[in-house]
Amino acid sequence: MKNGTGRNACPTGRRAGLLRVRHNTEDLPGSLLITGASQLLTLRGHGPRRGNSLFNLGIIEDGALLVRDGVIAAVGTHAQVEALPEARAAEKLDLGGRVALPGFVDSHTHLIHAASRAEEYELKIEGASYEEIARKGGGILNSVKKLRAATSEALKKRAAAALKKFAAYGTTTVEAKSGYGLDIVSELKILGLHRELAAEQPLEIVSTFLGAHVVPAEFRGKADGAEKYIALLTERLMPEVASQKLAEFCDVFCDRGAFTRAQSKRILEAGKEYGMAPRLHAEQLSRTGAAQLAVELGAASCDHLEQVNKSDIRVLGKSRTVATLLPGCDFHLGLQKYAPARELIDAGAIVSLATDYNPGTSPTLSMPMILSLACTQLRMRPSEAIAAATINAAYGLRRENNIGSLEVGKQADIAVFEVADYREIPYYFGVDHCWMTVKRGRVIHVSKQSPI
């Protein structure tokens, strides 16, 4: 048993032809024995990972899991788990020497949107800045216009296809934000789709209300337009979101061109009154003090953080607010400045990673690609990146007691990779090595290369 690194204990030749599982993977029995993991990354332990503990993956070589009704009943070596009486009668899934780890927890996405913004991608390549495009009606307002014109059916179909792709990359839980509606009808439509999709497909969806993404176009030409829009959010929209229980969190984009620190505080405090825990888009384009506001409000997370200073880093290091880093956004925008992950880790901050899946600044669904960027651009170790994308991300969604690690009593959410060593997951950037994804003990994705 090893905590950080370790070579594959099983030869790759074992992989072929040793998968013993019924072809109807959607009808697995109550007990399932998952065995044959060359490296089983359990990430077991208490609470989120900080500092040096971030690269402790709790690796079990030749590992196995016993799953009962979608929940982990036992974890250990192949010999330990298979010796249990219940294991002998369980359906068997042999991973054939592959690497298994907790399913990724993608804690920052903008799941519901109507279309890409490929036209803006070309403008960025030609030198236009994010803010220049936004001032001309592009950016977030472009997505708002497209979403308002789209039907619920079209939006749902697009999001459902995206969720299948998330699963194909090993993600089992997704946080999803509103924020491309920016009026009462459209914001409620997005949040309602979150609920429908959560009930109709296997991935877990955590819903966040982001009505305060930017001030919509119809309020920008009015005197005190921002204040009037905030009043609409806090006096009309939030009560409706709360009464229908459509969102667990409330988020605000606190930045230049969006909402000020003072405005963000008012919105998030109103959200708390309606039972929505705060999150924040913080310090992305400019430093506004949003990161320290997040700590002050006891926010679950503050996300982006490219522009944080030393004071912000110290405060985050002593807090329980998760510092969620989104390197896919910086990569897609071609920015030279990424969030200071090493400084945050050294200060003791709870660092997590997410895709920021959205049509304008990070159109990726691949957590393995985010791990690659975290390693090469943020200088995180592969072990640190995996912990950030699993147990720490789960903590940021306040679900660390159910997901994010492979331990007795937690959901059997598992990603299996066709690699010899877990470090190869980020090493092969842009390459899909996810062989199988399991959610609550049910196989929800199998690679086309699999013999199943």
Protein backbone atom coordinates (compact mmCIF):
# COMPACT_ATOMS: atom_id res chain seq x y z
CA MET A 1 0.00 0.00 0.00
CA LYS A 2 1.40 3.40 -1.01
CA ASN A 3 0.28 6.97 -0.59
CA GLY A 4 1.82 8.90 -3.45
CA THR A 5 3.37 7.08 -6.36
CA GLY A 6 3.72 3.48 -7.34
CA ARG A 7 4.18 1.47 -10.50
CA ASN A 8 1.59 -0.85 -11.90
CA ALA A 9 1.64 -4.10 -9.92
CA CYS A 10 -0.22 -6.01 -12.64
CA PRO A 11 1.16 -6.59 -16.14
CA THR A 12 -0.78 -4.93 -18.93
CA GLY A 13 -1.20 -8.33 -20.55
CA ARG A 14 -3.75 -9.19 -17.90
CA ARG A 15 -6.21 -6.71 -19.36
CA ALA A 16 -7.43 -8.63 -22.37
CA GLY A 17 -10.34 -11.01 -21.96
CA LEU A 18 -10.69 -10.91 -18.18
CA LEU A 19 -13.75 -8.73 -17.85
CA ARG A 20 -16.49 -10.78 -16.21
CA VAL A 21 -19.65 -8.70 -16.08
CA ARG A 22 -23.06 -9.07 -17.63
CA HIS A 23 -23.52 -7.16 -20.86
CA ASN A 24 -26.60 -5.44 -19.50
CA THR A 25 -24.60 -3.07 -17.28
CA GLU A 26 -27.68 -1.06 -16.35
CA ASP A 27 -29.11 -4.02 -14.44
CA LEU A 28 -26.39 -4.81 -11.95
CA PRO A 29 -27.39 -6.67 -8.77
CA GLY A 30 -27.34 -5.28 -5.25
CA SER A 31 -23.79 -6.50 -4.59
CA LEU A 32 -20.92 -5.87 -6.99
CA LEU A 33 -17.29 -6.88 -6.56
CA ILE A 34 -14.94 -4.57 -8.44
CA THR A 35 -11.49 -6.13 -8.54
CA GLY A 36 -8.27 -6.08 -10.55
CA ALA A 37 -7.28 -2.42 -10.05
CA SER A 38 -3.50 -2.19 -10.37
CA GLN A 39 -3.70 1.12 -8.52
CA LEU A 40 -6.83 1.95 -6.53
CA LEU A 41 -6.66 5.64 -5.57
CA THR A 42 -8.90 5.79 -2.51
CA LEU A 43 -8.12 9.33 -1.25
CA ARG A 44 -9.38 8.11 2.10
CA GLY A 45 -9.14 10.36 5.12
CA HIS A 46 -11.02 13.10 6.91
CA GLY A 47 -11.86 16.48 5.44
CA PRO A 48 -10.35 18.30 2.48
CA ARG A 49 -6.66 18.10 1.55
CA ARG A 50 -4.32 20.99 2.30
CA GLY A 51 -0.58 21.49 1.89
CA ASN A 52 1.45 18.29 1.95
CA SER A 53 -1.63 16.12 2.43
CA LEU A 54 -2.83 17.15 -1.04
CA PHE A 55 -0.66 14.54 -2.72
CA ASN A 56 -1.65 11.67 -0.43
CA LEU A 57 -3.82 9.51 -2.66
CA GLY A 58 -4.17 6.48 -0.38
CA ILE A 59 -3.14 4.10 -3.15
CA ILE A 60 -3.87 0.39 -2.79
CA GLU A 61 -2.05 -1.81 -5.28
CA ASP A 62 -4.10 -4.73 -6.63
CA GLY A 63 -7.11 -3.05 -5.05
CA ALA A 64 -10.76 -4.04 -4.89
CA LEU A 65 -14.13 -2.68 -3.81
CA LEU A 66 -17.32 -4.32 -2.67
CA VAL A 67 -20.40 -2.30 -3.54
CA ARG A 68 -23.85 -2.85 -2.03
CA ASP A 69 -26.84 -0.98 -3.50
CA GLY A 70 -24.60 1.69 -5.00
CA VAL A 71 -22.61 2.33 -1.79
CA ILE A 72 -19.10 1.12 -0.97
CA ALA A 73 -19.28 -1.68 1.60
CA ALA A 74 -15.59 -2.66 1.66
CA VAL A 75 -12.30 -1.46 0.21
CA GLY A 76 -8.87 -3.04 0.35
CA THR A 77 -6.57 -5.36 -1.49
CA HIS A 78 -7.91 -8.02 -3.83
CA ALA A 79 -7.20 -10.70 -1.21
CA GLN A 80 -8.87 -8.80 1.62
CA VAL A 81 -12.09 -7.94 -0.21
CA GLU A 82 -12.59 -11.21 -2.08
CA ALA A 83 -12.31 -13.12 1.21
CA LEU A 84 -15.52 -11.52 2.49
CA PRO A 85 -18.56 -13.84 2.41
CA GLU A 86 -20.69 -11.31 0.55
CA ALA A 87 -18.01 -10.90 -2.13
CA ARG A 88 -18.23 -14.56 -3.09
CA ALA A 89 -21.85 -14.21 -4.19
CA ALA A 90 -21.52 -10.75 -5.75
CA GLU A 91 -21.48 -9.97 -9.45
CA LYS A 92 -17.86 -9.46 -10.49
CA LEU A 93 -16.32 -6.65 -12.50
CA ASP A 94 -12.62 -7.26 -13.21
CA LEU A 95 -10.75 -4.09 -14.18
CA GLY A 96 -7.92 -6.13 -15.65
CA GLY A 97 -5.03 -4.19 -14.15
CA ARG A 98 -6.26 -0.69 -14.92
CA VAL A 99 -6.10 2.37 -12.65
CA ALA A 100 -9.23 3.30 -10.68
CA LEU A 101 -9.96 6.49 -8.77
CA PRO A 102 -12.96 8.45 -7.48
CA GLY A 103 -15.13 9.89 -10.22
CA PHE A 104 -14.20 13.48 -10.96
CA VAL A 105 -16.28 16.20 -9.29
CA ASP A 106 -16.55 19.12 -11.71
CA SER A 107 -17.47 21.92 -9.34
CA HIS A 108 -17.82 24.82 -11.81
CA THR A 109 -19.74 24.56 -15.09
CA HIS A 110 -22.23 26.57 -17.11
CA LEU A 111 -24.06 23.50 -18.38
CA ILE A 112 -27.13 25.07 -19.98
CA HIS A 113 -26.38 27.22 -23.00
CA ALA A 114 -27.77 27.42 -26.51
CA ALA A 115 -24.74 27.45 -28.81
CA SER A 116 -21.01 27.89 -29.12
CA ARG A 117 -19.34 31.27 -29.54
CA ALA A 118 -16.92 30.09 -32.21
CA GLU A 119 -17.14 33.45 -34.00
CA GLU A 120 -15.65 35.13 -30.92
CA TYR A 121 -12.90 32.51 -30.76
CA GLU A 122 -11.61 33.76 -34.09
CA LEU A 123 -11.79 37.38 -32.94
CA LYS A 124 -9.68 36.50 -29.89
CA ILE A 125 -7.10 34.86 -32.11
CA GLU A 126 -6.95 38.07 -34.15
CA GLY A 127 -6.21 40.04 -30.98
CA ALA A 128 -9.54 41.22 -29.57
CA SER A 129 -9.68 41.06 -25.77
CA TYR A 130 -12.46 39.44 -23.75
CA GLU A 131 -13.65 42.85 -22.60
CA GLU A 132 -13.54 44.39 -26.10
CA ILE A 133 -15.78 41.61 -27.39
CA ALA A 134 -18.15 42.07 -24.44
CA ARG A 135 -18.46 45.83 -25.05
CA LYS A 136 -19.63 45.11 -28.61
CA GLY A 137 -22.45 42.87 -27.40
CA GLY A 138 -20.49 39.65 -27.43
CA GLY A 139 -19.39 37.57 -24.49
CA ILE A 140 -21.99 36.66 -21.89
CA LEU A 141 -24.67 38.87 -23.48
CA ASN A 142 -24.22 36.97 -26.74
CA SER A 143 -25.02 33.73 -24.92
CA VAL A 144 -27.97 35.39 -23.18
CA LYS A 145 -29.47 36.43 -26.50
CA LYS A 146 -29.10 32.92 -27.91
CA LEU A 147 -30.51 31.22 -24.83
CA ARG A 148 -33.58 33.42 -24.60
CA ALA A 149 -34.40 32.52 -28.20
CA ALA A 150 -33.91 28.78 -27.66
CA THR A 151 -36.61 26.32 -26.68
CA SER A 152 -36.38 24.30 -23.51
CA GLU A 153 -36.29 21.15 -25.64
CA ALA A 154 -33.26 22.34 -27.60
CA LEU A 155 -31.42 23.44 -24.47
CA LYS A 156 -32.15 20.15 -22.72
CA LYS A 157 -30.99 18.08 -25.69
CA ARG A 158 -27.70 19.98 -25.88
CA ALA A 159 -27.08 19.66 -22.14
CA ALA A 160 -27.95 15.95 -22.08
CA ALA A 161 -25.39 15.31 -24.82
CA ALA A 162 -22.81 17.25 -22.82
CA LEU A 163 -23.52 15.20 -19.70
CA LYS A 164 -22.80 11.99 -21.61
CA LYS A 165 -19.46 13.44 -22.62
CA PHE A 166 -18.68 14.46 -19.04
CA ALA A 167 -19.24 10.84 -18.04
CA ALA A 168 -17.05 9.64 -20.89
CA TYR A 169 -14.12 11.59 -19.37
CA GLY A 170 -14.66 10.15 -15.88
CA THR A 171 -16.83 12.86 -14.30
CA THR A 172 -19.64 11.66 -12.04
CA THR A 173 -20.83 14.91 -10.37
CA VAL A 174 -21.34 18.29 -12.05
CA GLU A 175 -22.14 21.68 -10.56
CA ALA A 176 -24.31 23.64 -13.01
CA LYS A 177 -24.95 27.39 -12.96
CA SER A 178 -27.69 29.49 -14.45
CA GLY A 179 -26.64 32.94 -15.65
CA TYR A 180 -27.32 32.93 -19.39
CA GLY A 181 -30.96 33.93 -18.94
CA LEU A 182 -30.78 37.11 -16.85
CA ASP A 183 -34.54 37.53 -16.71
CA ILE A 184 -37.12 35.79 -14.56
CA VAL A 185 -38.51 33.41 -17.18
CA SER A 186 -35.14 32.37 -18.62
CA GLU A 187 -33.34 31.91 -15.30
CA LEU A 188 -36.17 29.75 -13.98
CA LYS A 189 -36.11 27.81 -17.24
CA ILE A 190 -32.40 27.00 -16.80
CA LEU A 191 -32.76 25.99 -13.17
CA GLY A 192 -35.79 23.87 -14.00
CA LEU A 193 -33.77 22.06 -16.64
CA HIS A 194 -31.10 21.31 -14.04
CA ARG A 195 -33.76 19.54 -11.99
CA GLU A 196 -35.17 17.62 -14.95
CA LEU A 197 -31.76 16.47 -16.14
CA ALA A 198 -30.75 15.41 -12.63
CA ALA A 199 -33.79 13.13 -12.52
CA GLU A 200 -33.45 11.71 -16.02
CA GLN A 201 -29.77 10.76 -16.35
CA PRO A 202 -27.18 9.28 -13.96
CA LEU A 203 -24.78 12.14 -13.29
CA GLU A 204 -25.37 14.10 -10.10
CA ILE A 205 -26.15 17.77 -10.79
CA VAL A 206 -25.65 20.45 -8.15
CA SER A 207 -27.60 23.58 -9.09
CA THR A 208 -26.32 27.14 -8.60
CA PHE A 209 -28.24 30.37 -9.20
CA LEU A 210 -26.04 32.86 -11.10
CA GLY A 211 -28.57 35.53 -11.94
CA ALA A 212 -25.83 38.05 -11.12
CA HIS A 213 -23.60 37.05 -14.04
CA VAL A 214 -23.68 40.49 -15.66
CA VAL A 215 -26.27 43.25 -15.94
CA PRO A 216 -28.47 42.37 -18.94
CA ALA A 217 -28.70 44.65 -21.96
CA GLU A 218 -32.21 45.92 -21.20
CA PHE A 219 -31.04 47.41 -17.89
CA ARG A 220 -27.79 48.95 -19.12
CA GLY A 221 -29.39 51.95 -20.74
CA LYS A 222 -31.45 52.86 -17.68
CA ALA A 223 -30.58 55.25 -14.88
CA ASP A 224 -29.43 53.10 -11.96
CA GLY A 225 -29.88 50.10 -14.21
CA ALA A 226 -27.58 47.86 -12.17
CA GLU A 227 -29.46 48.69 -8.97
CA LYS A 228 -32.80 48.00 -10.61
CA TYR A 229 -31.56 44.65 -11.87
CA ILE A 230 -30.26 43.74 -8.41
CA ALA A 231 -33.69 44.59 -7.02
CA LEU A 232 -35.27 42.24 -9.57
CA LEU A 233 -32.89 39.48 -8.47
CA THR A 234 -33.35 39.91 -4.74
CA GLU A 235 -37.02 40.87 -4.57
CA ARG A 236 -38.61 38.82 -7.35
CA LEU A 237 -36.34 36.10 -8.71
CA MET A 238 -34.68 34.80 -5.55
CA PRO A 239 -37.99 34.26 -3.73
CA GLU A 240 -39.22 32.18 -6.66
CA VAL A 241 -36.00 30.15 -6.86
CA ALA A 242 -36.22 29.49 -3.14
CA SER A 243 -39.91 28.57 -3.15
CA GLN A 244 -39.34 26.00 -5.90
CA LYS A 245 -36.06 24.83 -4.30
CA LEU A 246 -34.27 25.16 -7.61
CA ALA A 247 -30.78 26.05 -6.38
CA GLU A 248 -28.50 25.11 -3.52
CA PHE A 249 -25.98 27.90 -4.10
CA CYS A 250 -25.98 31.55 -5.18
CA ASP A 251 -23.07 32.85 -7.25
CA VAL A 252 -22.00 36.32 -8.42
CA PHE A 253 -19.48 37.42 -11.06
CA CYS A 254 -17.60 40.05 -9.07
CA ASP A 255 -15.28 41.73 -11.54
CA ARG A 256 -14.67 44.69 -13.80
CA GLY A 257 -17.66 45.00 -16.14
CA ALA A 258 -19.89 42.85 -13.93
CA PHE A 259 -20.70 43.51 -10.23
CA THR A 260 -18.75 45.44 -7.62
CA ARG A 261 -17.66 44.02 -4.29
CA ALA A 262 -20.41 45.95 -2.48
CA GLN A 263 -23.08 44.83 -4.94
CA SER A 264 -21.88 41.24 -4.74
CA LYS A 265 -22.07 41.29 -0.96
CA ARG A 266 -25.68 42.49 -1.02
CA ILE A 267 -26.69 39.85 -3.57
CA LEU A 268 -24.99 37.00 -1.72
CA GLU A 269 -26.40 38.08 1.64
CA ALA A 270 -29.87 38.10 0.08
CA GLY A 271 -29.17 34.64 -1.31
CA LYS A 272 -28.26 33.39 2.15
CA GLU A 273 -31.57 34.69 3.48
CA TYR A 274 -33.29 32.51 0.90
CA GLY A 275 -31.26 29.45 1.86
CA MET A 276 -28.66 29.56 -0.92
CA ALA A 277 -25.03 29.25 0.20
CA PRO A 278 -22.64 31.73 -1.46
CA ARG A 279 -20.07 31.08 -4.17
CA LEU A 280 -18.10 33.73 -6.09
CA HIS A 281 -16.44 34.29 -9.44
CA ALA A 282 -13.44 36.12 -7.99
CA GLU A 283 -10.31 37.97 -9.11
CA GLN A 284 -10.38 36.79 -12.73
CA LEU A 285 -9.88 39.90 -14.86
CA SER A 286 -9.02 42.33 -12.08
CA ARG A 287 -8.57 42.30 -8.32
CA THR A 288 -11.78 43.47 -6.65
CA GLY A 289 -11.47 42.03 -3.15
CA ALA A 290 -13.91 39.24 -4.03
CA ALA A 291 -11.71 36.46 -2.62
CA GLN A 292 -11.61 38.03 0.82
CA LEU A 293 -15.34 38.78 0.56
CA ALA A 294 -15.90 35.07 -0.07
CA VAL A 295 -14.06 34.21 3.14
CA GLU A 296 -15.92 36.92 5.05
CA LEU A 297 -19.27 35.48 3.95
CA GLY A 298 -18.25 31.87 4.58
CA ALA A 299 -18.63 31.07 0.88
CA ALA A 300 -18.31 27.47 -0.24
CA SER A 301 -15.81 28.53 -2.90
CA CYS A 302 -14.28 31.40 -4.79
CA ASP A 303 -13.34 30.55 -8.36
CA HIS A 304 -10.74 31.75 -10.91
CA LEU A 305 -8.27 33.73 -8.70
CA GLU A 306 -5.77 34.70 -11.40
CA GLN A 307 -5.41 38.22 -9.91
CA VAL A 308 -5.11 37.38 -6.19
CA ASN A 309 -2.36 39.07 -4.16
CA LYS A 310 -0.32 37.84 -1.19
CA SER A 311 -2.91 39.07 1.32
CA ASP A 312 -5.69 37.17 -0.47
CA ILE A 313 -3.57 34.03 -0.49
CA ARG A 314 -2.90 34.27 3.25
CA VAL A 315 -6.59 34.73 4.01
CA LEU A 316 -7.62 31.81 1.80
CA GLY A 317 -4.94 29.65 3.38
CA LYS A 318 -6.56 30.05 6.80
CA SER A 319 -10.15 29.66 5.61
CA ARG A 320 -12.60 26.90 4.78
CA THR A 321 -13.50 28.54 1.47
CA VAL A 322 -12.30 26.43 -1.44
CA ALA A 323 -10.01 28.09 -3.99
CA THR A 324 -11.31 26.66 -7.27
CA LEU A 325 -8.88 27.09 -10.16
CA LEU A 326 -10.03 27.06 -13.78
CA PRO A 327 -6.96 26.75 -16.04
CA GLY A 328 -9.07 25.79 -19.07
CA CYS A 329 -10.36 29.35 -19.19
CA ASP A 330 -6.88 30.89 -19.23
CA PHE A 331 -5.74 28.36 -21.84
CA HIS A 332 -8.67 29.05 -24.17
CA LEU A 333 -8.31 32.83 -23.85
CA GLY A 334 -4.57 32.59 -24.50
CA LEU A 335 -3.71 34.36 -21.26
CA GLN A 336 -0.22 34.25 -19.87
CA LYS A 337 -1.28 34.57 -16.25
CA TYR A 338 -2.70 31.51 -14.49
CA ALA A 339 -3.83 31.30 -10.87
CA PRO A 340 -0.91 30.92 -8.39
CA ALA A 341 -1.63 27.33 -7.41
CA ARG A 342 1.71 26.65 -5.75
CA GLU A 343 1.46 29.72 -3.53
CA LEU A 344 -2.10 28.82 -2.56
CA ILE A 345 -1.11 25.24 -1.74
CA ASP A 346 1.92 26.37 0.26
CA ALA A 347 -0.31 28.76 2.23
CA GLY A 348 -2.64 25.90 3.17
CA ALA A 349 -5.59 26.82 0.95
CA ILE A 350 -8.11 24.15 -0.05
CA VAL A 351 -7.39 24.06 -3.79
CA SER A 352 -9.76 22.43 -6.26
CA LEU A 353 -9.97 22.22 -10.05
CA ALA A 354 -12.90 22.44 -12.47
CA THR A 355 -13.50 22.77 -16.20
CA ASP A 356 -15.56 26.01 -16.19
CA TYR A 357 -17.38 24.42 -19.14
CA ASN A 358 -19.00 27.32 -21.00
CA PRO A 359 -19.32 28.48 -24.63
CA GLY A 360 -17.18 31.60 -24.37
CA THR A 361 -14.06 31.00 -22.33
CA SER A 362 -13.70 27.28 -21.61
CA PRO A 363 -15.59 24.98 -23.99
CA THR A 364 -14.18 21.75 -22.57
CA LEU A 365 -15.81 18.86 -20.74
CA SER A 366 -12.56 17.01 -20.07
CA MET A 367 -11.31 16.89 -16.50
CA PRO A 368 -8.21 14.92 -17.64
CA MET A 369 -7.28 17.90 -19.84
CA ILE A 370 -7.75 20.20 -16.85
CA LEU A 371 -5.39 17.95 -14.87
CA SER A 372 -2.83 18.30 -17.66
CA LEU A 373 -3.09 22.09 -17.56
CA ALA A 374 -2.86 22.05 -13.77
CA CYS A 375 0.38 20.10 -13.98
CA THR A 376 2.07 22.00 -16.81
CA GLN A 377 0.77 25.53 -16.21
CA LEU A 378 -0.04 25.60 -12.48
CA ARG A 379 2.92 23.36 -11.56
CA MET A 380 0.78 21.00 -9.54
CA ARG A 381 1.89 17.39 -9.09
CA PRO A 382 -0.39 14.79 -10.73
CA SER A 383 -1.36 13.56 -7.27
CA GLU A 384 -2.28 17.09 -6.15
CA ALA A 385 -4.34 17.67 -9.28
CA ILE A 386 -6.29 14.44 -8.76
CA ALA A 387 -7.04 15.30 -5.12
CA ALA A 388 -8.11 18.80 -6.19
CA ALA A 389 -10.50 17.35 -8.79
CA THR A 390 -12.07 14.80 -6.43
CA ILE A 391 -12.18 15.17 -2.64
CA ASN A 392 -11.49 18.93 -2.52
CA ALA A 393 -14.03 19.63 -5.25
CA ALA A 394 -16.55 17.51 -3.34
CA TYR A 395 -15.85 19.58 -0.23
CA GLY A 396 -16.51 22.74 -2.25
CA LEU A 397 -19.93 21.36 -3.13
CA ARG A 398 -20.49 20.33 0.51
CA ARG A 399 -20.72 16.68 -0.48
CA GLU A 400 -17.47 15.32 0.90
CA ASN A 401 -19.37 12.85 3.10
CA ASN A 402 -20.85 11.15 0.03
CA ILE A 403 -18.45 11.54 -2.89
CA GLY A 404 -14.85 12.45 -3.72
CA SER A 405 -13.10 9.39 -2.26
CA LEU A 406 -13.46 5.62 -2.28
CA GLU A 407 -14.36 4.77 1.32
CA VAL A 408 -16.90 2.64 3.13
CA GLY A 409 -20.27 4.40 3.26
CA LYS A 410 -19.68 6.65 0.26
CA GLN A 411 -21.24 6.39 -3.17
CA ALA A 412 -19.47 4.01 -5.55
CA ASP A 413 -18.51 6.75 -8.02
CA ILE A 414 -15.48 5.47 -9.92
CA ALA A 415 -13.45 6.40 -12.99
CA VAL A 416 -11.26 3.70 -14.54
CA PHE A 417 -8.39 4.61 -16.85
CA GLU A 418 -6.54 2.56 -19.44
CA VAL A 419 -3.09 3.56 -18.15
CA ALA A 420 -0.25 1.82 -16.31
CA ASP A 421 0.20 4.55 -13.69
CA TYR A 422 -2.12 7.31 -12.45
CA ARG A 423 0.42 9.96 -13.48
CA GLU A 424 -0.23 9.06 -17.10
CA ILE A 425 -3.73 10.52 -16.87
CA PRO A 426 -2.45 14.13 -17.09
CA TYR A 427 0.74 13.11 -18.89
CA TYR A 428 -1.17 12.19 -22.06
CA PHE A 429 -2.75 15.61 -22.56
CA GLY A 430 -5.80 15.74 -24.79
CA VAL A 431 -5.98 11.95 -25.00
CA ASP A 432 -9.08 10.08 -23.84
CA HIS A 433 -7.96 7.15 -21.68
CA CYS A 434 -11.15 6.82 -19.62
CA TRP A 435 -12.15 3.16 -19.98
CA MET A 436 -15.16 3.04 -17.70
CA THR A 437 -17.22 5.33 -15.46
CA VAL A 438 -19.38 4.09 -12.59
CA LYS A 439 -21.98 6.16 -10.74
CA ARG A 440 -23.54 4.77 -7.55
CA GLY A 441 -22.34 1.31 -8.48
CA ARG A 442 -23.84 1.45 -11.97
CA VAL A 443 -21.72 1.43 -15.12
CA ILE A 444 -22.71 4.59 -17.01
CA HIS A 445 -19.92 4.72 -19.59
CA VAL A 446 -17.76 2.09 -21.26
CA SER A 447 -15.09 2.90 -23.81
CA LYS A 448 -15.74 1.65 -27.33
CA GLN A 449 -12.42 -0.17 -27.05
CA SER A 450 -13.72 -2.17 -24.09
CA PRO A 451 -14.58 -5.85 -24.60
CA ILE A 452 -17.94 -5.37 -22.81
